[in-house]
C-alpha atoms as a PDB file:
ATOM      1  CA  MET A   1      11.254  21.055 -32.030  1.00  0.00           C
ATOM      2  CA  THR A   2       8.575  18.797 -33.497  1.00  0.00           C
ATOM      3  CA  ASP A   3       5.870  17.117 -31.460  1.00  0.00           C
ATOM      4  CA  ARG A   4       6.664  13.469 -32.152  1.00  0.00           C
ATOM      5  CA  THR A   5       3.287  12.193 -30.909  1.00  0.00           C
ATOM      6  CA  ASP A   6       1.871  13.252 -34.280  1.00  0.00           C
ATOM      7  CA  GLU A   7       4.037  10.765 -36.119  1.00  0.00           C
ATOM      8  CA  PRO A   8       1.949   7.747 -37.215  1.00  0.00           C
ATOM      9  CA  ASN A   9       4.393   5.088 -36.012  1.00  0.00           C
ATOM     10  CA  GLN A  10       4.779   6.576 -32.567  1.00  0.00           C
ATOM     11  CA  LEU A  11       1.037   7.054 -32.255  1.00  0.00           C
ATOM     12  CA  TYR A  12       0.493   3.418 -33.246  1.00  0.00           C
ATOM     13  CA  GLU A  13       3.099   2.251 -30.704  1.00  0.00           C
ATOM     14  CA  THR A  14       1.470   4.326 -27.965  1.00  0.00           C
ATOM     15  CA  GLU A  15      -1.946   2.887 -28.780  1.00  0.00           C
ATOM     16  CA  GLU A  16      -0.501  -0.626 -28.912  1.00  0.00           C
ATOM     17  CA  ARG A  17       1.134  -0.206 -25.488  1.00  0.00           C
ATOM     18  CA  GLU A  18      -2.152   1.031 -24.045  1.00  0.00           C
ATOM     19  CA  ARG A  19      -4.001  -1.980 -25.488  1.00  0.00           C
ATOM     20  CA  GLU A  20      -1.369  -4.242 -23.906  1.00  0.00           C
ATOM     21  CA  ARG A  21      -1.806  -2.549 -20.524  1.00  0.00           C
ATOM     22  CA  GLU A  22      -5.583  -2.892 -20.760  1.00  0.00           C
ATOM     23  CA  GLU A  23      -5.198  -6.586 -21.573  1.00  0.00           C
ATOM     24  CA  GLU A  24      -2.864  -7.055 -18.600  1.00  0.00           C
ATOM     25  CA  ARG A  25      -5.255  -5.258 -16.241  1.00  0.00           C
ATOM     26  CA  ALA A  26      -8.118  -7.418 -17.497  1.00  0.00           C
ATOM     27  CA  LEU A  27      -6.096 -10.601 -16.937  1.00  0.00           C
ATOM     28  CA  PHE A  28      -5.318  -9.633 -13.344  1.00  0.00           C
ATOM     29  CA  ALA A  29      -8.908  -8.517 -12.687  1.00  0.00           C
ATOM     30  CA  ARG A  30     -10.201 -11.825 -14.039  1.00  0.00           C
ATOM     31  CA  TYR A  31      -7.763 -13.717 -11.805  1.00  0.00           C
ATOM     32  CA  ILE A  32      -8.776 -11.704  -8.719  1.00  0.00           C
ATOM     33  CA  GLU A  33     -12.445 -12.471  -9.387  1.00  0.00           C
ATOM     34  CA  ASP A  34     -11.824 -16.113 -10.285  1.00  0.00           C
ATOM     35  CA  PRO A  35      -8.401 -17.394  -9.108  1.00  0.00           C
ATOM     36  CA  THR A  36      -8.457 -20.614 -11.105  1.00  0.00           C
ATOM     37  CA  PRO A  37      -5.373 -22.384 -12.453  1.00  0.00           C
ATOM     38  CA  LEU A  38      -6.532 -21.457 -15.973  1.00  0.00           C
ATOM     39  CA  ASN A  39      -6.555 -17.731 -15.198  1.00  0.00           C
ATOM     40  CA  GLU A  40      -3.192 -18.047 -13.465  1.00  0.00           C
ATOM     41  CA  GLU A  41      -1.762 -19.809 -16.521  1.00  0.00           C
ATOM     42  CA  ARG A  42      -3.032 -17.008 -18.775  1.00  0.00           C
ATOM     43  CA  ILE A  43      -1.013 -14.491 -16.746  1.00  0.00           C
ATOM     44  CA  VAL A  44       2.078 -16.706 -16.810  1.00  0.00           C
ATOM     45  CA  GLU A  45       1.824 -17.114 -20.592  1.00  0.00           C
ATOM     46  CA  LYS A  46       1.335 -13.374 -21.091  1.00  0.00           C
ATOM     47  CA  PHE A  47       4.562 -12.571 -19.246  1.00  0.00           C
ATOM     48  CA  LYS A  48       6.755 -15.425 -20.529  1.00  0.00           C
ATOM     49  CA  PRO A  49       8.453 -13.203 -23.127  1.00  0.00           C
ATOM     50  CA  LEU A  50       9.465 -10.845 -20.312  1.00  0.00           C
ATOM     51  CA  VAL A  51      10.879 -13.765 -18.313  1.00  0.00           C
ATOM     52  CA  TYR A  52      12.921 -14.918 -21.321  1.00  0.00           C
ATOM     53  CA  ARG A  53      14.304 -11.400 -21.879  1.00  0.00           C
ATOM     54  CA  ILE A  54      15.350 -11.132 -18.241  1.00  0.00           C
ATOM     55  CA  VAL A  55      16.903 -14.618 -18.151  1.00  0.00           C
ATOM     56  CA  HIS A  56      18.942 -13.862 -21.274  1.00  0.00           C
ATOM     57  CA  LYS A  57      20.553 -10.919 -19.453  1.00  0.00           C
ATOM     58  CA  PHE A  58      22.022 -13.219 -16.787  1.00  0.00           C
ATOM     59  CA  LYS A  59      25.225 -15.190 -17.096  1.00  0.00           C
ATOM     60  CA  TYR A  60      24.346 -18.784 -16.376  1.00  0.00           C
ATOM     61  CA  GLN A  61      25.398 -22.308 -17.111  1.00  0.00           C
ATOM     62  CA  PRO A  62      23.514 -23.905 -20.044  1.00  0.00           C
ATOM     63  CA  ASP A  63      21.731 -26.331 -17.732  1.00  0.00           C
ATOM     64  CA  GLN A  64      20.409 -23.454 -15.586  1.00  0.00           C
ATOM     65  CA  PHE A  65      18.317 -21.797 -18.311  1.00  0.00           C
ATOM     66  CA  ASP A  66      15.191 -23.894 -17.714  1.00  0.00           C
ATOM     67  CA  ASP A  67      15.516 -23.452 -13.950  1.00  0.00           C
ATOM     68  CA  LEU A  68      15.687 -19.667 -14.296  1.00  0.00           C
ATOM     69  CA  VAL A  69      12.670 -19.628 -16.610  1.00  0.00           C
ATOM     70  CA  GLN A  70      10.739 -21.803 -14.155  1.00  0.00           C
ATOM     71  CA  VAL A  71      11.537 -19.457 -11.270  1.00  0.00           C
ATOM     72  CA  GLY A  72      10.445 -16.501 -13.386  1.00  0.00           C
ATOM     73  CA  SER A  73       7.215 -18.212 -14.304  1.00  0.00           C
END
């Protein structure tokens, strides 16, 4: 069996995920230190793609999409 962590693409993806986690931790730390609407909005914007992915998994009426995104944000 081959150790797949040596493969360049997987190594890049692992490093990219770690950079993302560091960015997320920094956003939350900044918000804890300075809970301004701007810092809150930065967190909301960072996680919007996740909200959209989750909303797309639900069965909903077309007019409910924006409501679900708003609740997730």
